[in-house]
Protein backbone atom coordinates (compact mmCIF):
# COMPACT_ATOMS: atom_id res chain seq x y z
CA MET A 1 0.00 0.00 0.00
CA PHE A 2 1.21 3.50 -0.80
CA TYR A 3 0.25 6.65 1.08
CA PHE A 4 1.12 9.84 -0.80
CA ILE A 5 1.51 13.15 1.04
CA ALA A 6 1.86 15.83 -1.61
CA ASN A 7 2.69 19.52 -1.29
CA ILE A 8 1.92 21.06 -4.65
CA HIS A 9 2.82 24.52 -3.31
CA SER A 10 6.56 23.76 -3.08
CA ARG A 11 8.63 25.82 -5.55
CA SER A 12 5.90 28.44 -5.31
CA GLY A 13 3.35 26.28 -7.12
CA GLN A 14 5.62 25.01 -9.89
CA SER A 15 5.01 21.50 -8.56
CA MET A 16 1.39 21.51 -9.71
CA LYS A 17 2.23 20.34 -13.25
CA ALA A 18 4.57 17.66 -11.92
CA TRP A 19 1.90 16.41 -9.53
CA GLU A 20 -0.69 16.24 -12.33
CA LYS A 21 1.64 13.89 -14.22
CA ILE A 22 2.21 11.77 -11.10
CA SER A 23 -1.51 11.55 -10.37
CA HIS A 24 -2.27 10.59 -13.96
CA ARG A 25 0.36 7.82 -13.87
CA LEU A 26 -1.01 6.43 -10.59
CA ASN A 27 -4.49 6.24 -12.11
CA GLU A 28 -3.11 4.78 -15.32
CA ARG A 29 -1.34 2.00 -13.45
CA GLU A 30 -4.23 1.45 -11.03
CA VAL A 31 -1.85 1.63 -8.08
CA SER A 32 -3.30 0.81 -4.67
CA ALA A 33 -2.72 4.17 -3.04
CA GLN A 34 -4.21 6.87 -0.87
CA ILE A 35 -3.49 10.46 -1.91
CA HIS A 36 -3.47 13.31 0.59
CA MET A 37 -2.77 16.93 -0.35
CA THR A 38 -1.37 19.39 2.19
CA ARG A 39 -3.47 22.51 2.69
CA PHE A 40 -1.49 24.53 5.23
CA ALA A 41 1.84 24.68 7.08
CA GLY A 42 2.07 21.73 9.46
CA HIS A 43 -0.61 19.72 7.66
CA ALA A 44 1.91 17.07 6.55
CA VAL A 45 2.70 16.43 10.23
CA GLN A 46 -0.96 15.66 10.91
CA LEU A 47 -1.30 13.50 7.81
CA ALA A 48 1.85 11.51 8.59
CA ASP A 49 0.60 10.90 12.13
CA GLN A 50 -2.67 9.44 10.81
CA LEU A 51 -1.04 7.44 8.03
CA SER A 52 1.59 5.97 10.34
CA ASP A 53 -1.26 4.40 12.30
CA GLN A 54 -2.69 2.91 9.12
CA ALA A 55 0.73 1.68 7.96
CA ALA A 56 1.38 0.04 11.33
CA ALA A 57 -2.00 -1.70 11.08
CA ASP A 58 -1.05 -2.90 7.58
CA PHE A 59 2.16 -4.37 8.94
CA ASP A 60 0.47 -6.06 11.90
CA ARG A 61 -2.15 -7.56 9.57
CA CYS A 62 -0.01 -8.91 6.71
CA GLY A 63 3.62 -8.52 7.77
CA LEU A 64 4.43 -6.23 4.82
CA ARG A 65 5.47 -2.63 5.17
CA SER A 66 3.48 0.07 3.45
CA THR A 67 5.29 3.08 2.03
CA ILE A 68 4.59 6.72 2.76
CA VAL A 69 5.71 8.84 -0.20
CA ALA A 70 6.53 12.49 0.53
CA VAL A 71 6.07 14.59 -2.61
CA GLY A 72 7.49 18.10 -2.25
CA GLY A 73 10.55 19.85 -0.89
CA ASP A 74 12.82 19.42 2.12
CA GLY A 75 10.25 21.17 4.33
CA THR A 76 7.56 18.67 3.37
CA PHE A 77 9.88 15.76 4.18
CA ASN A 78 10.70 17.36 7.54
CA GLU A 79 7.02 17.64 8.41
CA VAL A 80 6.41 14.02 7.43
CA ILE A 81 9.15 12.59 9.66
CA ASN A 82 7.88 14.72 12.54
CA GLY A 83 4.43 13.21 12.17
CA MET A 84 5.56 9.60 11.77
CA HIS A 85 5.77 7.03 14.54
CA ASP A 86 6.25 3.24 14.58
CA PHE A 87 9.26 3.86 12.35
CA ASP A 88 10.07 0.14 12.16
CA LYS A 89 6.70 -0.67 10.57
CA VAL A 90 6.72 1.71 7.62
CA ASN A 91 9.03 2.73 4.79
CA LEU A 92 9.39 6.32 3.60
CA ALA A 93 10.17 7.42 0.06
CA MET A 94 10.44 10.85 -1.50
CA ILE A 95 9.80 12.51 -4.83
CA PRO A 96 11.71 15.81 -4.54
CA LEU A 97 9.91 18.79 -6.03
CA GLY A 98 11.26 21.63 -3.89
CA SER A 99 13.64 24.46 -4.77
CA GLY A 100 16.44 23.38 -2.41
CA ASN A 101 16.36 19.57 -2.50
CA ASP A 102 19.42 19.16 -0.28
CA LEU A 103 18.08 15.83 0.97
CA GLY A 104 17.54 14.37 -2.48
CA ARG A 105 21.04 15.34 -3.59
CA GLY A 106 22.53 14.02 -0.37
CA LEU A 107 20.86 10.64 -0.86
CA GLY A 108 21.74 10.43 -4.54
CA ILE A 109 18.11 10.81 -5.63
CA THR A 110 18.90 12.85 -8.69
CA ASN A 111 15.97 12.05 -10.99
CA LYS A 112 14.88 15.37 -12.44
CA ASP A 113 11.84 13.67 -13.96
CA PRO A 114 9.32 13.00 -11.15
CA LEU A 115 7.71 10.24 -13.23
CA ALA A 116 11.03 8.40 -13.41
CA ARG A 117 11.32 8.64 -9.64
CA LEU A 118 7.73 7.45 -9.23
CA GLU A 119 8.41 4.39 -11.38
CA ASP A 120 11.49 3.74 -9.28
CA ILE A 121 9.37 3.63 -6.13
CA LEU A 122 6.33 1.69 -7.28
CA THR A 123 6.35 -1.93 -6.19
CA ASP A 124 3.33 -4.09 -5.51
CA CYS A 125 3.45 -4.37 -1.72
CA HIS A 126 1.03 -7.31 -1.85
CA ASP A 127 3.41 -9.39 -3.97
CA ARG A 128 5.83 -10.92 -1.47
CA GLU A 129 8.57 -11.60 -4.02
CA ARG A 130 8.53 -8.04 -5.35
CA ALA A 131 8.17 -6.64 -1.85
CA ALA A 132 11.36 -8.46 -0.88
CA GLU A 133 13.08 -6.85 -3.86
CA SER A 134 11.82 -3.45 -2.73
CA GLU A 135 13.03 -4.05 0.82
CA SER A 136 16.56 -4.55 -0.51
CA ARG A 137 16.54 -0.89 -1.56
CA VAL A 138 15.51 0.34 1.87
CA ARG A 139 18.30 1.74 4.05
CA ARG A 140 18.30 2.67 7.71
CA MET A 141 19.02 6.39 7.76
CA ASP A 142 20.04 8.45 10.77
CA LEU A 143 17.80 11.26 11.95
CA GLY A 144 18.63 14.09 14.32
CA ARG A 145 16.58 15.39 17.21
CA VAL A 146 16.85 18.92 18.59
CA GLU A 147 15.47 19.62 22.06
CA LEU A 148 14.68 23.28 22.70
CA ASP A 149 14.78 25.21 25.95
CA ASP A 150 11.00 25.70 25.84
CA GLY A 151 10.42 21.95 26.17
CA ASN A 152 9.63 21.31 22.50
CA SER A 153 11.64 19.03 20.22
CA ARG A 154 11.92 18.42 16.50
CA LEU A 155 13.37 15.73 14.23
CA PHE A 156 15.51 16.64 11.23
CA ALA A 157 16.96 14.81 8.25
CA ILE A 158 19.42 17.34 6.80
CA SER A 159 20.69 19.75 9.43
CA CYS A 160 19.98 21.77 12.52
CA GLY A 161 21.63 25.14 12.97
CA MET A 162 21.87 27.99 15.45
CA GLY A 163 22.92 31.52 14.60
CA PHE A 164 23.73 32.80 11.12
CA ASP A 165 22.37 29.94 8.99
CA ALA A 166 19.15 29.89 11.00
CA ALA A 167 18.84 33.67 10.61
CA VAL A 168 19.20 33.27 6.83
CA CYS A 169 16.49 30.58 6.77
CA ARG A 170 14.19 32.81 8.82
CA GLY A 171 14.87 35.79 6.57
CA VAL A 172 14.32 33.84 3.34
CA ASP A 173 10.98 32.52 4.60
CA HIS A 174 9.81 36.12 5.04
CA MET A 175 11.28 37.49 1.80
CA TYR A 176 8.70 39.01 -0.51
CA MET A 177 10.95 38.25 -3.48
CA LYS A 178 11.31 34.53 -2.67
CA GLY A 179 8.18 33.50 -4.56
CA ILE A 180 9.09 35.62 -7.57
CA LEU A 181 12.65 34.24 -7.69
CA ASN A 182 11.39 30.66 -7.42
CA LYS A 183 9.04 31.22 -10.33
CA LEU A 184 12.02 32.46 -12.35
CA HIS A 185 14.03 29.36 -11.31
CA LEU A 186 16.34 31.63 -9.29
CA GLY A 187 15.52 30.25 -5.84
CA ARG A 188 19.18 30.14 -4.79
CA LEU A 189 19.46 33.88 -5.37
CA SER A 190 17.10 34.47 -2.45
CA TYR A 191 19.53 32.60 -0.17
CA LEU A 192 22.51 34.54 -1.52
CA THR A 193 20.77 37.89 -1.08
CA LYS A 194 19.72 37.16 2.49
CA THR A 195 23.15 35.68 3.28
CA LEU A 196 24.92 38.92 2.34
CA GLN A 197 22.41 41.05 4.27
CA THR A 198 22.65 38.87 7.37
CA ILE A 199 26.40 38.46 7.51
CA LEU A 200 26.91 42.24 7.43
CA SER A 201 24.37 43.05 10.12
CA MET A 202 24.03 40.06 12.45
CA PRO A 203 25.49 40.37 15.98
CA LEU A 204 28.02 37.84 17.30
CA TYR A 205 27.45 35.67 20.37
CA ARG A 206 29.20 34.26 23.43
CA GLY A 207 28.60 30.84 24.91
CA ARG A 208 29.71 27.23 25.19
CA VAL A 209 29.36 24.22 22.93
CA PHE A 210 29.60 20.82 24.63
CA TYR A 211 30.08 17.77 22.44
CA ARG A 212 30.62 14.08 23.09
CA LYS A 213 33.85 12.40 22.03
CA GLU A 214 34.78 8.72 22.08
CA LYS A 215 36.23 9.25 25.54
CA GLY A 216 34.27 11.74 27.59
CA ARG A 217 32.98 15.18 26.69
CA SER A 218 34.67 18.34 25.40
CA CYS A 219 33.73 21.99 25.70
CA LEU A 220 34.43 24.73 23.19
CA GLU A 221 34.23 28.30 24.48
CA VAL A 222 32.96 30.70 21.81
CA GLU A 223 33.48 34.45 22.10
CA ASN A 224 32.08 35.72 18.80
CA MET A 225 30.13 32.82 17.35
CA ILE A 226 28.59 33.29 13.92
CA PHE A 227 26.86 29.92 13.71
CA VAL A 228 26.98 26.25 14.63
CA ALA A 229 25.40 23.62 12.37
CA ALA A 230 24.89 19.91 13.02
CA MET A 231 24.97 18.26 9.60
CA ASN A 232 23.31 14.90 8.90
CA GLN A 233 23.81 15.51 5.17
CA ALA A 234 26.77 17.25 3.57
CA ALA A 235 24.92 20.37 2.37
CA GLU A 236 22.13 22.75 3.34
CA GLY A 237 20.71 26.02 2.03
CA GLY A 238 20.33 24.84 -1.55
CA GLY A 239 23.67 23.05 -1.92
CA VAL A 240 26.17 24.74 0.42
CA PRO A 241 28.52 21.96 1.67
CA MET A 242 28.80 22.88 5.36
CA TYR A 243 30.45 19.55 6.24
CA PRO A 244 31.50 17.74 3.03
CA GLY A 245 32.11 14.43 4.81
CA ALA A 246 28.75 14.25 6.58
CA ASN A 247 26.99 10.92 6.07
CA ALA A 248 23.43 10.12 7.12
CA PHE A 249 24.28 6.44 7.61
CA ASP A 250 27.25 6.57 10.02
CA GLY A 251 25.56 7.31 13.36
CA LYS A 252 27.08 10.76 13.91
CA PHE A 253 26.92 14.41 12.87
CA GLY A 254 29.46 16.58 11.17
CA ILE A 255 29.58 19.86 13.13
CA CYS A 256 30.56 23.10 11.41
CA LEU A 257 31.14 26.04 13.75
CA ALA A 258 32.41 29.53 12.92
CA ASP A 259 33.75 31.72 15.74
CA SER A 260 35.73 34.96 15.91
CA VAL A 261 35.81 35.46 12.15
CA PRO A 262 36.32 39.13 11.16
CA ARG A 263 33.24 40.56 9.48
CA LEU A 264 34.93 41.23 6.12
CA LEU A 265 36.59 37.81 6.14
CA ALA A 266 33.18 36.27 6.84
CA LEU A 267 32.09 37.52 3.42
CA ILE A 268 34.41 35.00 1.77
CA MET A 269 33.40 32.20 4.12
CA LEU A 270 30.47 31.08 1.96
CA PRO A 271 32.55 30.94 -1.27
CA GLY A 272 35.16 29.10 0.79
CA PHE A 273 32.58 26.51 1.78
CA LEU A 274 31.47 26.12 -1.83
CA PHE A 275 35.07 25.34 -2.78
CA ARG A 276 35.41 23.00 0.25
CA MET A 277 38.13 25.10 1.88
CA HIS A 278 36.81 24.52 5.41
CA LYS A 279 40.12 23.31 6.83
CA ILE A 280 42.03 26.48 5.90
CA LEU A 281 39.38 29.06 6.80
CA PRO A 282 40.33 30.82 10.07
CA GLY A 283 37.84 30.42 12.88
CA VAL A 284 36.01 27.49 11.26
CA HIS A 285 35.86 24.32 13.38
CA GLN A 286 34.94 20.88 12.01
CA ILE A 287 33.94 18.27 14.59
CA GLU A 288 32.32 14.82 14.47
CA THR A 289 30.07 13.80 17.34
CA LYS A 290 26.90 11.88 18.23
CA SER A 291 25.48 14.65 20.40
CA LEU A 292 26.08 18.23 21.46
CA GLN A 293 24.65 20.89 23.73
CA ILE A 294 24.79 24.61 22.99
CA HIS A 295 24.51 27.14 25.82
CA MET A 296 24.53 30.78 24.71
CA GLU A 297 24.36 33.96 26.78
CA GLU A 298 21.44 35.26 24.73
CA ALA A 299 18.81 33.79 22.43
CA LEU A 300 19.70 32.98 18.81
CA PRO A 301 17.56 31.84 15.88
CA VAL A 302 17.39 28.05 15.44
CA HIS A 303 16.31 26.00 12.42
CA SER A 304 15.86 22.34 11.54
CA ASP A 305 15.96 21.43 7.83
CA GLY A 306 15.53 25.13 7.06
CA GLU A 307 12.34 25.45 9.13
CA ASP A 308 12.35 28.32 11.65
CA LEU A 309 12.13 27.09 15.27
CA GLY A 310 12.27 30.51 16.92
CA MET A 311 14.81 32.07 19.30
CA HIS A 312 16.56 29.97 21.97
CA ARG A 313 19.51 30.15 24.38
CA LYS A 314 20.00 26.43 25.01
CA ILE A 315 19.50 23.44 22.74
CA ARG A 316 20.51 19.77 22.77
CA ILE A 317 21.08 17.91 19.48
CA THR A 318 21.23 14.10 19.35
CA CYS A 319 21.82 11.63 16.52
CA LEU A 320 19.29 8.78 16.23
CA PRO A 321 21.21 6.09 14.30
CA GLY A 322 19.22 4.14 11.71
CA LYS A 323 15.92 5.60 12.89
CA LEU A 324 14.28 5.91 9.46
CA ARG A 325 13.62 3.20 6.87
CA ILE A 326 14.07 5.12 3.63
CA PHE A 327 13.64 3.83 0.09
CA ILE A 328 16.62 4.90 -2.01
């Protein structure tokens, strides 16, 4: 059984035509599927919650896992994983239609044709032989969990950041020009514009970053922190490789932290990341860890998978190894 959660508003509505093709193909092939369209922000969370119950019931009844298919951008996928439960009883697949698609690139899902990706996913879950073939393409992917100082928590698949990158995500979400740029296929320009504005005006922060090592725990004192990002995938923000070696299947995060970088030098930090010059950029720290805590003297913006989580002083980020069964 397939459960589709589709956001046709990703890429500022450009996904509508792609979805019409997908829907037509599902009808043409008479696929056993339920189709659910998101109507508002957070709706995919509610839908995934309901469909996880149905998928778990499918598994308990016949021993075969149903597949939830997230159709949309990185934000849609983030909502879906935050609504899911009984992760062992359901598979998750994605058809990337968003403007960023960091997750799809990170997982090697590079089909530009959504119909080709759909055909890649479709397998008759009631045919045990073909279901076994499908299961061989399912991998156990790590997820991250961020716990906020207001008691809330959130799962993420790509990254969780505090400071500059979160401020950029927040600013882009509120940019009037974002929709126009997406329609012109210039979505990355919105990130570049907001990046330059933010890096020239954003204050710097003091605090401590605690992270777990193989033996014990370490603490990094930060005096003028620009940002800290826990990367489950190599890139965020539409393809910026914050931690090129990050791997969503190794049970740990790649941490990228920038501290005490002169303002003018910070302007070349982003191009430096694009050319993978992290190790020679002054003030840039690269760390691998399974968990970290960030304690700042004042509240900073926080994001998970590019979704604004508000302003917080303290957060805890933990890797959940192999949490998600994802169809590659």
